[in-house]
Amino acid sequence: MTPAAFDGLRAEGLALSRGERRLFSNLSFSLEAGGLLRLLGPNGSGKSSLLRGLLGLAPLVAGSLSVGTPPRPLRPRALCAVALYQGHASGAKGELTALENLELSAALDGTVAPGHAGALLRESLATVGLARQRDIETRRLSQGQRQRLALARFALALHCPVRPLWLMDEPSAALDAEGSALLVRMLGEHLARGGAAIVATHLPVAPESGRVDELRLEAFAPRRGSASEAVPAEATA
């Protein structure tokens, strides 16, 4: 299957708040095909919120998003159609097996080629080391195995690359060294095919292929006690 083209992403002057606290302001970056952007910062700096903000799942207080050359403004939630997002919570249902959960995710993601669903689902679980656990209820899996199940969505996406932008929130969490190496290989393959990724992480994630940039969110945080630290009344209305 021909990979879907990634048309680039540009963010200008983004600002985002949580409640009455401003997380960051004047945040800008660009991401091209074959590129990976690592979001770095301490807990509470807004890494998860930024990923959700890009998708329109958390309201951006200010700034703009655009794609293409020349830049075309993005409609709200437009990235949802081209992005494969994995947040802190996997969303896996404990009473379903690993295979059933992946099948459900694939149906929602649109990452199963017609007529090849069963084989690709099993192959993707084998890729992430869950071949023996595919028929086990997810609630019986270890935390590391559940994280591998989350990675299986991306392993499947390599076979059906209809979502060229990967948004991953702490994908290394609970993974052992082998699982972390698998994550890096998958990201490298995705970038080599012309995809792109934004990864929020505390750990180094550096695939051999593609361009890797870093964005430190604390550099865009308001100074403690400054006027910009509080959210203006109209922004919280």
C-alpha atoms as a PDB file:
ATOM      1  CA  MET A   1       0.000   0.000   0.000  1.00  0.00           C
ATOM      2  CA  THR A   2       1.332   3.438  -0.932  1.00  0.00           C
ATOM      3  CA  PRO A   3       1.986   5.569   2.173  1.00  0.00           C
ATOM      4  CA  ALA A   4      -0.207   8.609   2.634  1.00  0.00           C
ATOM      5  CA  ALA A   5       1.798  11.780   2.030  1.00  0.00           C
ATOM      6  CA  PHE A   6       2.657  14.045   4.951  1.00  0.00           C
ATOM      7  CA  ASP A   7       2.288  17.663   3.916  1.00  0.00           C
ATOM      8  CA  GLY A   8       4.308  19.155   6.749  1.00  0.00           C
ATOM      9  CA  LEU A   9       3.060  20.904   9.881  1.00  0.00           C
ATOM     10  CA  ARG A  10       3.803  24.420  11.114  1.00  0.00           C
ATOM     11  CA  ALA A  11       2.836  25.852  14.465  1.00  0.00           C
ATOM     12  CA  GLU A  12       3.111  29.573  15.161  1.00  0.00           C
ATOM     13  CA  GLY A  13       2.755  31.301  18.515  1.00  0.00           C
ATOM     14  CA  LEU A  14       0.836  28.546  20.299  1.00  0.00           C
ATOM     15  CA  ALA A  15      -0.383  29.099  23.844  1.00  0.00           C
ATOM     16  CA  LEU A  16      -2.234  26.625  26.018  1.00  0.00           C
ATOM     17  CA  SER A  17      -3.611  26.699  29.543  1.00  0.00           C
ATOM     18  CA  ARG A  18      -4.821  24.185  32.080  1.00  0.00           C
ATOM     19  CA  GLY A  19      -7.510  25.681  34.250  1.00  0.00           C
ATOM     20  CA  GLU A  20      -6.222  29.089  35.348  1.00  0.00           C
ATOM     21  CA  ARG A  21      -2.555  28.217  34.755  1.00  0.00           C
ATOM     22  CA  ARG A  22      -0.794  29.081  31.506  1.00  0.00           C
ATOM     23  CA  LEU A  23       1.387  26.128  30.474  1.00  0.00           C
ATOM     24  CA  PHE A  24       3.257  27.769  27.604  1.00  0.00           C
ATOM     25  CA  SER A  25       3.094  30.729  25.238  1.00  0.00           C
ATOM     26  CA  ASN A  26       4.679  31.782  21.922  1.00  0.00           C
ATOM     27  CA  LEU A  27       5.553  28.197  21.021  1.00  0.00           C
ATOM     28  CA  SER A  28       6.466  27.612  17.381  1.00  0.00           C
ATOM     29  CA  PHE A  29       7.894  24.690  15.423  1.00  0.00           C
ATOM     30  CA  SER A  30       7.877  23.081  11.994  1.00  0.00           C
ATOM     31  CA  LEU A  31       7.821  19.400  11.088  1.00  0.00           C
ATOM     32  CA  GLU A  32       8.482  17.954   7.649  1.00  0.00           C
ATOM     33  CA  ALA A  33       8.129  14.482   6.144  1.00  0.00           C
ATOM     34  CA  GLY A  34      10.809  12.184   7.538  1.00  0.00           C
ATOM     35  CA  GLY A  35      11.138  14.246  10.706  1.00  0.00           C
ATOM     36  CA  LEU A  36      10.667  13.470  14.388  1.00  0.00           C
ATOM     37  CA  LEU A  37      10.072  16.108  17.043  1.00  0.00           C
ATOM     38  CA  ARG A  38      10.867  15.140  20.633  1.00  0.00           C
ATOM     39  CA  LEU A  39       8.845  17.025  23.229  1.00  0.00           C
ATOM     40  CA  LEU A  40      10.912  17.406  26.383  1.00  0.00           C
ATOM     41  CA  GLY A  41      10.106  18.934  29.731  1.00  0.00           C
ATOM     42  CA  PRO A  42       9.326  18.144  33.365  1.00  0.00           C
ATOM     43  CA  ASN A  43       6.007  16.730  34.470  1.00  0.00           C
ATOM     44  CA  GLY A  44       3.303  19.340  34.139  1.00  0.00           C
ATOM     45  CA  SER A  45       5.103  21.358  31.447  1.00  0.00           C
ATOM     46  CA  GLY A  46       2.374  20.611  28.905  1.00  0.00           C
ATOM     47  CA  LYS A  47       3.754  17.811  26.717  1.00  0.00           C
ATOM     48  CA  SER A  48       0.540  15.780  26.800  1.00  0.00           C
ATOM     49  CA  SER A  49      -1.572  18.917  26.527  1.00  0.00           C
ATOM     50  CA  LEU A  50       0.322  20.041  23.423  1.00  0.00           C
ATOM     51  CA  LEU A  51      -0.339  16.730  21.657  1.00  0.00           C
ATOM     52  CA  ARG A  52      -4.017  17.023  22.491  1.00  0.00           C
ATOM     53  CA  GLY A  53      -4.029  20.667  21.463  1.00  0.00           C
ATOM     54  CA  LEU A  54      -2.641  19.844  18.021  1.00  0.00           C
ATOM     55  CA  LEU A  55      -5.543  17.454  17.513  1.00  0.00           C
ATOM     56  CA  GLY A  56      -8.101  19.941  18.772  1.00  0.00           C
ATOM     57  CA  LEU A  57      -8.853  17.838  21.853  1.00  0.00           C
ATOM     58  CA  ALA A  58      -7.620  20.632  24.138  1.00  0.00           C
ATOM     59  CA  PRO A  59      -8.323  24.281  23.245  1.00  0.00           C
ATOM     60  CA  LEU A  60      -5.357  26.375  22.167  1.00  0.00           C
ATOM     61  CA  VAL A  61      -5.542  29.860  23.668  1.00  0.00           C
ATOM     62  CA  ALA A  62      -3.557  31.446  20.843  1.00  0.00           C
ATOM     63  CA  GLY A  63      -1.566  30.632  17.730  1.00  0.00           C
ATOM     64  CA  SER A  64      -2.152  28.910  14.417  1.00  0.00           C
ATOM     65  CA  LEU A  65      -1.486  25.606  12.658  1.00  0.00           C
ATOM     66  CA  SER A  66      -0.872  25.232   8.936  1.00  0.00           C
ATOM     67  CA  VAL A  67       0.253  22.636   6.392  1.00  0.00           C
ATOM     68  CA  GLY A  68       1.747  22.663   2.911  1.00  0.00           C
ATOM     69  CA  THR A  69       3.731  25.133   0.814  1.00  0.00           C
ATOM     70  CA  PRO A  70       2.498  27.811   0.647  1.00  0.00           C
ATOM     71  CA  PRO A  71       0.999  27.349   4.130  1.00  0.00           C
ATOM     72  CA  ARG A  72      -2.693  26.517   4.337  1.00  0.00           C
ATOM     73  CA  PRO A  73      -4.477  27.076   7.655  1.00  0.00           C
ATOM     74  CA  LEU A  74      -5.733  23.925   9.363  1.00  0.00           C
ATOM     75  CA  ARG A  75      -9.370  23.610  10.306  1.00  0.00           C
ATOM     76  CA  PRO A  76     -10.077  22.579  13.910  1.00  0.00           C
ATOM     77  CA  ARG A  77      -9.394  18.858  14.452  1.00  0.00           C
ATOM     78  CA  ALA A  78      -8.205  18.446  10.843  1.00  0.00           C
ATOM     79  CA  LEU A  79      -5.107  16.565  12.043  1.00  0.00           C
ATOM     80  CA  CYS A  80      -7.336  13.822  13.468  1.00  0.00           C
ATOM     81  CA  ALA A  81      -7.788  12.505   9.928  1.00  0.00           C
ATOM     82  CA  VAL A  82      -4.063  11.979   9.299  1.00  0.00           C
ATOM     83  CA  ALA A  83      -2.664  11.354  12.782  1.00  0.00           C
ATOM     84  CA  LEU A  84      -2.307   8.155  14.777  1.00  0.00           C
ATOM     85  CA  TYR A  85      -2.446   9.219  18.428  1.00  0.00           C
ATOM     86  CA  GLN A  86      -1.548   7.247  21.526  1.00  0.00           C
ATOM     87  CA  GLY A  87      -2.039   8.987  24.855  1.00  0.00           C
ATOM     88  CA  HIS A  88      -1.077   7.975  28.383  1.00  0.00           C
ATOM     89  CA  ALA A  89      -4.141   5.752  28.674  1.00  0.00           C
ATOM     90  CA  SER A  90      -4.183   3.031  26.031  1.00  0.00           C
ATOM     91  CA  GLY A  91      -7.963   2.749  25.972  1.00  0.00           C
ATOM     92  CA  ALA A  92      -7.693  -1.047  25.835  1.00  0.00           C
ATOM     93  CA  LYS A  93     -10.678  -2.891  27.271  1.00  0.00           C
ATOM     94  CA  GLY A  94      -9.620  -5.342  29.951  1.00  0.00           C
ATOM     95  CA  GLU A  95     -12.288  -7.943  29.172  1.00  0.00           C
ATOM     96  CA  LEU A  96     -11.185  -8.200  25.521  1.00  0.00           C
ATOM     97  CA  THR A  97      -8.185 -10.190  24.359  1.00  0.00           C
ATOM     98  CA  ALA A  98      -5.107  -8.521  22.915  1.00  0.00           C
ATOM     99  CA  LEU A  99      -6.232  -9.568  19.431  1.00  0.00           C
ATOM    100  CA  GLU A 100      -9.764  -8.261  19.962  1.00  0.00           C
ATOM    101  CA  ASN A 101      -8.460  -4.936  21.266  1.00  0.00           C
ATOM    102  CA  LEU A 102      -6.166  -4.515  18.294  1.00  0.00           C
ATOM    103  CA  GLU A 103      -8.998  -5.398  15.931  1.00  0.00           C
ATOM    104  CA  LEU A 104     -11.187  -2.744  17.547  1.00  0.00           C
ATOM    105  CA  SER A 105      -8.428  -0.129  17.363  1.00  0.00           C
ATOM    106  CA  ALA A 106      -7.722  -0.986  13.727  1.00  0.00           C
ATOM    107  CA  ALA A 107     -11.368  -0.505  12.825  1.00  0.00           C
ATOM    108  CA  LEU A 108     -11.360   2.933  14.452  1.00  0.00           C
ATOM    109  CA  ASP A 109      -7.971   3.891  12.979  1.00  0.00           C
ATOM    110  CA  GLY A 110      -8.743   2.623   9.489  1.00  0.00           C
ATOM    111  CA  THR A 111      -5.456   0.724   9.398  1.00  0.00           C
ATOM    112  CA  VAL A 112      -6.593  -2.677   8.119  1.00  0.00           C
ATOM    113  CA  ALA A 113      -6.491  -3.555   4.443  1.00  0.00           C
ATOM    114  CA  PRO A 114      -9.714  -5.284   3.317  1.00  0.00           C
ATOM    115  CA  GLY A 115      -9.322  -9.046   3.081  1.00  0.00           C
ATOM    116  CA  HIS A 116      -6.116  -9.149   5.111  1.00  0.00           C
ATOM    117  CA  ALA A 117      -7.321  -8.146   8.564  1.00  0.00           C
ATOM    118  CA  GLY A 118      -6.723 -11.378  10.457  1.00  0.00           C
ATOM    119  CA  ALA A 119      -3.234 -12.066   9.143  1.00  0.00           C
ATOM    120  CA  LEU A 120      -2.061  -8.490   9.610  1.00  0.00           C
ATOM    121  CA  LEU A 121      -3.430  -8.264  13.134  1.00  0.00           C
ATOM    122  CA  ARG A 122      -1.640 -11.450  14.153  1.00  0.00           C
ATOM    123  CA  GLU A 123       1.564 -10.366  12.426  1.00  0.00           C
ATOM    124  CA  SER A 124       1.491  -6.994  14.198  1.00  0.00           C
ATOM    125  CA  LEU A 125       1.073  -8.639  17.588  1.00  0.00           C
ATOM    126  CA  ALA A 126       3.970 -10.963  16.777  1.00  0.00           C
ATOM    127  CA  THR A 127       6.094  -7.947  15.797  1.00  0.00           C
ATOM    128  CA  VAL A 128       5.693  -6.437  19.266  1.00  0.00           C
ATOM    129  CA  GLY A 129       6.270  -9.759  21.031  1.00  0.00           C
ATOM    130  CA  LEU A 130       2.670 -10.656  21.871  1.00  0.00           C
ATOM    131  CA  ALA A 131       2.124 -13.685  19.632  1.00  0.00           C
ATOM    132  CA  ARG A 132       1.615 -15.992  22.624  1.00  0.00           C
ATOM    133  CA  GLN A 133      -0.555 -13.487  24.477  1.00  0.00           C
ATOM    134  CA  ARG A 134      -2.919 -12.603  21.623  1.00  0.00           C
ATOM    135  CA  ASP A 135      -5.849 -14.596  23.053  1.00  0.00           C
ATOM    136  CA  ILE A 136      -5.328 -13.514  26.661  1.00  0.00           C
ATOM    137  CA  GLU A 137      -7.649 -10.956  28.236  1.00  0.00           C
ATOM    138  CA  THR A 138      -5.851  -7.623  28.367  1.00  0.00           C
ATOM    139  CA  ARG A 139      -6.481  -7.210  32.104  1.00  0.00           C
ATOM    140  CA  ARG A 140      -4.219 -10.218  32.665  1.00  0.00           C
ATOM    141  CA  LEU A 141      -1.298  -8.669  30.791  1.00  0.00           C
ATOM    142  CA  SER A 142       1.568  -6.938  32.575  1.00  0.00           C
ATOM    143  CA  GLN A 143       2.013  -3.193  32.256  1.00  0.00           C
ATOM    144  CA  GLY A 144       4.863  -3.717  29.824  1.00  0.00           C
ATOM    145  CA  GLN A 145       2.761  -6.085  27.720  1.00  0.00           C
ATOM    146  CA  ARG A 146      -0.067  -3.542  27.630  1.00  0.00           C
ATOM    147  CA  GLN A 147       2.389  -0.958  26.374  1.00  0.00           C
ATOM    148  CA  ARG A 148       3.476  -3.383  23.651  1.00  0.00           C
ATOM    149  CA  LEU A 149      -0.186  -3.794  22.722  1.00  0.00           C
ATOM    150  CA  ALA A 150      -0.355  -0.026  22.278  1.00  0.00           C
ATOM    151  CA  LEU A 151       2.695  -0.275  19.996  1.00  0.00           C
ATOM    152  CA  ALA A 152       0.913  -2.944  17.961  1.00  0.00           C
ATOM    153  CA  ARG A 153      -1.353  -0.191  16.584  1.00  0.00           C
ATOM    154  CA  PHE A 154       1.734   1.440  15.075  1.00  0.00           C
ATOM    155  CA  ALA A 155       3.164  -1.867  13.861  1.00  0.00           C
ATOM    156  CA  LEU A 156      -0.117  -2.388  12.029  1.00  0.00           C
ATOM    157  CA  ALA A 157       0.056   1.163  10.664  1.00  0.00           C
ATOM    158  CA  LEU A 158       3.359   0.300   8.984  1.00  0.00           C
ATOM    159  CA  HIS A 159       1.421  -2.211   6.870  1.00  0.00           C
ATOM    160  CA  CYS A 160      -1.457   0.193   6.231  1.00  0.00           C
ATOM    161  CA  PRO A 161       0.165   3.668   6.282  1.00  0.00           C
ATOM    162  CA  VAL A 162      -2.939   5.816   5.924  1.00  0.00           C
ATOM    163  CA  ARG A 163      -2.009   8.037   8.880  1.00  0.00           C
ATOM    164  CA  PRO A 164       1.393   9.626   8.193  1.00  0.00           C
ATOM    165  CA  LEU A 165       1.675  11.590  11.441  1.00  0.00           C
ATOM    166  CA  TRP A 166       2.332   9.657  14.654  1.00  0.00           C
ATOM    167  CA  LEU A 167       1.636  11.410  17.971  1.00  0.00           C
ATOM    168  CA  MET A 168       2.985   9.371  20.885  1.00  0.00           C
ATOM    169  CA  ASP A 169       2.797  10.242  24.585  1.00  0.00           C
ATOM    170  CA  GLU A 170       5.537   8.513  26.620  1.00  0.00           C
ATOM    171  CA  PRO A 171       5.631   5.402  24.402  1.00  0.00           C
ATOM    172  CA  SER A 172       8.695   4.060  26.252  1.00  0.00           C
ATOM    173  CA  ALA A 173       6.841   3.876  29.576  1.00  0.00           C
ATOM    174  CA  ALA A 174       7.015   0.374  31.130  1.00  0.00           C
ATOM    175  CA  LEU A 175       9.022  -0.982  28.187  1.00  0.00           C
ATOM    176  CA  ASP A 176      12.179  -3.008  28.758  1.00  0.00           C
ATOM    177  CA  ALA A 177      15.333  -2.496  26.685  1.00  0.00           C
ATOM    178  CA  GLU A 178      14.074  -4.836  23.960  1.00  0.00           C
ATOM    179  CA  GLY A 179      10.747  -3.019  23.760  1.00  0.00           C
ATOM    180  CA  SER A 180      12.446   0.378  23.620  1.00  0.00           C
ATOM    181  CA  ALA A 181      14.684  -0.826  20.783  1.00  0.00           C
ATOM    182  CA  LEU A 182      11.581  -2.066  18.945  1.00  0.00           C
ATOM    183  CA  LEU A 183       9.978   1.357  19.321  1.00  0.00           C
ATOM    184  CA  VAL A 184      13.047   3.059  17.834  1.00  0.00           C
ATOM    185  CA  ARG A 185      13.118   0.635  14.880  1.00  0.00           C
ATOM    186  CA  MET A 186       9.433   1.213  14.148  1.00  0.00           C
ATOM    187  CA  LEU A 187       9.874   4.975  14.259  1.00  0.00           C
ATOM    188  CA  GLY A 188      12.871   4.712  11.949  1.00  0.00           C
ATOM    189  CA  GLU A 189      10.899   2.683   9.419  1.00  0.00           C
ATOM    190  CA  HIS A 190       8.010   5.134   9.597  1.00  0.00           C
ATOM    191  CA  LEU A 191      10.284   8.136   8.985  1.00  0.00           C
ATOM    192  CA  ALA A 192      12.130   6.365   6.165  1.00  0.00           C
ATOM    193  CA  ARG A 193       8.785   5.982   4.378  1.00  0.00           C
ATOM    194  CA  GLY A 194       8.140   9.704   4.543  1.00  0.00           C
ATOM    195  CA  GLY A 195       6.057   9.753   7.696  1.00  0.00           C
ATOM    196  CA  ALA A 196       6.579  12.109  10.640  1.00  0.00           C
ATOM    197  CA  ALA A 197       6.228  11.836  14.406  1.00  0.00           C
ATOM    198  CA  ILE A 198       5.912  13.964  17.520  1.00  0.00           C
ATOM    199  CA  VAL A 199       6.923  12.078  20.641  1.00  0.00           C
ATOM    200  CA  ALA A 200       6.554  13.291  24.229  1.00  0.00           C
ATOM    201  CA  THR A 201       9.213  11.503  26.234  1.00  0.00           C
ATOM    202  CA  HIS A 202      11.590  11.641  29.184  1.00  0.00           C
ATOM    203  CA  LEU A 203      13.914   9.161  27.479  1.00  0.00           C
ATOM    204  CA  PRO A 204      16.072   9.517  24.356  1.00  0.00           C
ATOM    205  CA  VAL A 205      14.318   8.258  21.235  1.00  0.00           C
ATOM    206  CA  ALA A 206      16.671   8.504  18.290  1.00  0.00           C
ATOM    207  CA  PRO A 207      16.005   6.382  15.195  1.00  0.00           C
ATOM    208  CA  GLU A 208      18.890   6.023  12.771  1.00  0.00           C
ATOM    209  CA  SER A 209      16.918   7.395   9.824  1.00  0.00           C
ATOM    210  CA  GLY A 210      15.120  10.707   9.588  1.00  0.00           C
ATOM    211  CA  ARG A 211      15.731  14.083  11.141  1.00  0.00           C
ATOM    212  CA  VAL A 212      15.313  14.407  14.903  1.00  0.00           C
ATOM    213  CA  ASP A 213      14.681  17.791  16.557  1.00  0.00           C
ATOM    214  CA  GLU A 214      13.929  18.671  20.159  1.00  0.00           C
ATOM    215  CA  LEU A 215      11.451  21.098  21.651  1.00  0.00           C
ATOM    216  CA  ARG A 216      11.874  21.921  25.348  1.00  0.00           C
ATOM    217  CA  LEU A 217       8.570  23.170  26.658  1.00  0.00           C
ATOM    218  CA  GLU A 218       9.984  24.790  29.776  1.00  0.00           C
ATOM    219  CA  ALA A 219      11.589  27.382  27.489  1.00  0.00           C
ATOM    220  CA  PHE A 220       8.081  28.624  26.647  1.00  0.00           C
ATOM    221  CA  ALA A 221       6.653  28.555  30.170  1.00  0.00           C
ATOM    222  CA  PRO A 222       5.784  31.907  31.764  1.00  0.00           C
ATOM    223  CA  ARG A 223       8.060  33.098  34.510  1.00  0.00           C
ATOM    224  CA  ARG A 224       6.756  32.282  37.946  1.00  0.00           C
ATOM    225  CA  GLY A 225       4.796  35.224  39.276  1.00  0.00           C
ATOM    226  CA  SER A 226       4.671  37.020  35.918  1.00  0.00           C
ATOM    227  CA  ALA A 227       1.479  38.530  34.564  1.00  0.00           C
ATOM    228  CA  SER A 228       1.425  35.994  31.730  1.00  0.00           C
ATOM    229  CA  GLU A 229       1.376  33.057  34.160  1.00  0.00           C
ATOM    230  CA  ALA A 230      -2.309  33.618  34.898  1.00  0.00           C
ATOM    231  CA  VAL A 231      -4.872  33.028  32.181  1.00  0.00           C
ATOM    232  CA  PRO A 232      -6.723  36.179  31.093  1.00  0.00           C
ATOM    233  CA  ALA A 233     -10.383  36.171  32.092  1.00  0.00           C
ATOM    234  CA  GLU A 234     -11.562  36.092  28.473  1.00  0.00           C
ATOM    235  CA  ALA A 235      -9.465  32.988  27.796  1.00  0.00           C
ATOM    236  CA  THR A 236     -11.222  31.031  30.531  1.00  0.00           C
ATOM    237  CA  ALA A 237     -14.712  32.235  29.788  1.00  0.00           C
END
